[in-house]
């Protein structure tokens, strides 16, 4: 019953565009949309049950929205690169998009392949600048994309910050 209620509330907050809002009546938020998709994806992985019914429909709609947003972002970046030169980094939002695709096994639409590959190509060069969370996400993204050697670089970098004591167990310093 509680799952059905929660799903109904989520459905109310999803716009026709596929984006979710913070509150009813607000415009869509890419951040909230990514957060909801991540939560749904992780829940599916934890339970071992793929999404179905309304949850699957909401996920598909949200991904259509995100693919459109990321394609638009890619076009803007490419226009800026023509004017100002190549972009060196990858922002958290783009990395999170790649992570969501990896987490859920989302198929990239053909119209988005070039943009997806562009963002994917920006992951490894950011190794030295990533936070530990960014490195963890990057490791998953690269491994799911079959770039195991690059994923291993991120994993090794994370291990450099790992510490282990009898009192505290493993933690990152």
Protein backbone atom coordinates (compact mmCIF):
# COMPACT_ATOMS: atom_id res chain seq x y z
CA UNK A 1 0.00 0.00 0.00
CA UNK A 2 2.78 2.44 0.93
CA UNK A 3 4.64 1.65 -2.31
CA UNK A 4 1.50 2.38 -4.30
CA UNK A 5 1.02 5.66 -2.44
CA UNK A 6 4.63 6.72 -3.00
CA UNK A 7 4.40 5.84 -6.69
CA UNK A 8 1.19 7.86 -7.03
CA UNK A 9 2.86 10.89 -5.42
CA UNK A 10 5.83 10.57 -7.78
CA UNK A 11 3.48 10.33 -10.73
CA UNK A 12 1.75 13.55 -9.64
CA UNK A 13 5.08 15.40 -9.58
CA UNK A 14 6.22 14.23 -13.03
CA UNK A 15 5.47 16.66 -15.83
CA UNK A 16 4.49 15.74 -19.38
CA UNK A 17 8.08 16.52 -20.37
CA UNK A 18 9.23 13.63 -18.17
CA UNK A 19 10.94 15.92 -15.66
CA UNK A 20 10.08 15.80 -11.98
CA UNK A 21 9.49 18.89 -9.90
CA UNK A 22 10.43 19.77 -6.35
CA UNK A 23 6.79 20.57 -5.56
CA UNK A 24 3.55 20.43 -7.49
CA UNK A 25 3.12 23.49 -9.70
CA UNK A 26 6.85 24.12 -10.11
CA UNK A 27 8.81 23.72 -13.32
CA UNK A 28 10.80 20.57 -13.96
CA UNK A 29 14.20 20.09 -12.39
CA UNK A 30 17.00 18.11 -14.00
CA UNK A 31 18.54 17.63 -10.56
CA UNK A 32 15.37 16.16 -9.05
CA UNK A 33 14.76 14.07 -12.16
CA UNK A 34 18.23 12.57 -11.88
CA UNK A 35 17.76 12.01 -8.14
CA UNK A 36 14.47 10.15 -8.64
CA UNK A 37 15.91 8.07 -11.48
CA UNK A 38 18.92 7.16 -9.35
CA UNK A 39 16.71 6.15 -6.44
CA UNK A 40 14.49 4.05 -8.69
CA UNK A 41 17.52 2.44 -10.33
CA UNK A 42 19.18 1.62 -7.04
CA UNK A 43 15.94 0.24 -5.58
CA UNK A 44 15.57 -2.00 -8.61
CA UNK A 45 19.16 -3.24 -8.21
CA UNK A 46 18.78 -3.79 -4.46
CA UNK A 47 15.55 -5.76 -4.77
CA UNK A 48 16.59 -7.60 -7.91
CA UNK A 49 13.26 -6.66 -9.47
CA UNK A 50 13.18 -4.67 -12.69
CA UNK A 51 10.80 -1.73 -12.83
CA UNK A 52 7.41 -2.41 -14.35
CA UNK A 53 4.07 -0.72 -14.92
CA UNK A 54 3.83 2.92 -13.89
CA UNK A 55 7.36 2.96 -12.46
CA UNK A 56 8.83 1.79 -15.77
CA UNK A 57 6.72 4.29 -17.72
CA UNK A 58 7.88 7.11 -15.46
CA UNK A 59 11.51 6.03 -15.85
CA UNK A 60 11.24 5.92 -19.64
CA UNK A 61 9.60 9.34 -19.74
CA UNK A 62 12.28 10.79 -17.45
CA UNK A 63 15.04 9.37 -19.63
CA UNK A 64 13.46 10.90 -22.74
CA UNK A 65 13.61 14.24 -20.92
CA UNK A 66 17.23 13.73 -19.82
CA UNK A 67 18.38 12.59 -23.24
CA UNK A 68 16.85 15.75 -24.71
CA UNK A 69 18.46 17.95 -22.07
CA UNK A 70 21.88 16.36 -22.53
CA UNK A 71 21.66 16.62 -26.32
CA UNK A 72 20.88 20.33 -25.95
CA UNK A 73 23.77 20.74 -23.51
CA UNK A 74 26.11 18.95 -25.94
CA UNK A 75 25.09 21.28 -28.79
CA UNK A 76 25.72 24.32 -26.58
CA UNK A 77 29.14 23.01 -25.56
CA UNK A 78 30.09 22.33 -29.18
CA UNK A 79 29.06 25.87 -30.15
CA UNK A 80 31.10 27.28 -27.27
CA UNK A 81 34.09 25.14 -28.25
CA UNK A 82 33.99 26.66 -31.74
CA UNK A 83 34.28 30.11 -30.18
CA UNK A 84 36.53 29.51 -27.18
CA UNK A 85 38.36 26.22 -27.71
CA UNK A 86 37.97 22.75 -26.24
CA UNK A 87 36.26 22.10 -22.93
CA UNK A 88 38.62 20.38 -20.55
CA UNK A 89 36.37 18.94 -17.87
CA UNK A 90 33.13 17.16 -17.24
CA UNK A 91 30.60 18.64 -14.86
CA UNK A 92 28.84 16.61 -12.17
CA UNK A 93 25.50 16.76 -13.96
CA UNK A 94 26.92 15.15 -17.10
CA UNK A 95 28.76 12.50 -15.10
CA UNK A 96 25.56 11.74 -13.25
CA UNK A 97 23.71 11.32 -16.55
CA UNK A 98 26.34 8.79 -17.67
CA UNK A 99 26.05 7.04 -14.30
CA UNK A 100 22.27 6.78 -14.58
CA UNK A 101 22.57 5.22 -18.02
CA UNK A 102 25.11 2.72 -16.65
CA UNK A 103 23.11 1.97 -13.49
CA UNK A 104 19.86 1.27 -15.31
CA UNK A 105 21.24 -0.18 -18.53
CA UNK A 106 19.47 2.60 -20.44
CA UNK A 107 19.84 2.27 -24.19
CA UNK A 108 21.17 5.47 -25.71
CA UNK A 109 18.95 6.71 -28.57
CA UNK A 110 20.79 6.98 -31.88
CA UNK A 111 20.31 10.76 -31.93
CA UNK A 112 22.18 10.95 -28.59
CA UNK A 113 25.09 8.60 -29.39
CA UNK A 114 27.47 11.38 -30.42
CA UNK A 115 26.66 13.43 -27.31
CA UNK A 116 26.92 10.38 -25.06
CA UNK A 117 30.30 9.43 -26.54
CA UNK A 118 31.51 13.01 -26.16
CA UNK A 119 30.65 13.05 -22.44
CA UNK A 120 32.02 9.52 -21.97
CA UNK A 121 35.29 10.63 -23.58
CA UNK A 122 35.59 13.41 -20.99
CA UNK A 123 35.47 11.04 -17.99
CA UNK A 124 39.02 9.64 -17.90
CA UNK A 125 40.81 13.00 -18.35
CA UNK A 126 39.10 14.21 -15.14
CA UNK A 127 40.76 11.53 -12.97
CA UNK A 128 42.96 13.91 -11.00
CA UNK A 129 40.16 16.44 -10.39
CA UNK A 130 37.34 14.14 -9.30
CA UNK A 131 36.02 13.86 -5.77
CA UNK A 132 35.88 10.38 -4.26
CA UNK A 133 32.19 10.21 -5.14
CA UNK A 134 32.97 11.31 -8.69
CA UNK A 135 35.66 8.66 -8.93
CA UNK A 136 33.22 5.99 -7.75
CA UNK A 137 30.62 7.07 -10.32
CA UNK A 138 33.30 7.27 -13.01
CA UNK A 139 34.47 3.75 -12.20
CA UNK A 140 30.95 2.39 -12.73
CA UNK A 141 30.44 4.41 -15.91
CA UNK A 142 33.72 3.30 -17.47
CA UNK A 143 33.33 -0.35 -16.43
CA UNK A 144 29.80 -0.53 -17.87
CA UNK A 145 31.09 1.06 -21.08
CA UNK A 146 33.72 -1.69 -21.35
CA UNK A 147 36.62 0.65 -20.61
CA UNK A 148 38.03 -1.54 -17.88
CA UNK A 149 41.61 -0.21 -17.94
CA UNK A 150 40.32 3.34 -17.45
CA UNK A 151 37.92 2.19 -14.73
CA UNK A 152 40.85 0.53 -12.97
CA UNK A 153 42.71 3.87 -12.93
CA UNK A 154 39.82 5.43 -11.01
CA UNK A 155 39.59 2.46 -8.66
CA UNK A 156 43.33 2.63 -7.95
CA UNK A 157 43.04 6.35 -7.28
CA UNK A 158 40.28 5.67 -4.77
CA UNK A 159 42.43 3.05 -3.06
CA UNK A 160 45.14 5.66 -2.55
CA UNK A 161 42.77 7.52 -0.23
CA UNK A 162 41.53 4.44 1.62
CA UNK A 163 42.70 3.81 5.16
CA UNK A 164 41.87 0.92 7.45
CA UNK A 165 42.13 0.58 11.20
CA UNK A 166 40.81 -2.01 13.64
CA UNK A 167 38.77 0.64 15.44
CA UNK A 168 37.22 2.39 12.43
CA UNK A 169 37.34 -0.20 9.69
CA UNK A 170 37.89 1.14 6.17
CA UNK A 171 37.39 4.82 5.49
CA UNK A 172 38.65 7.50 3.15
CA UNK A 173 41.01 10.19 4.32
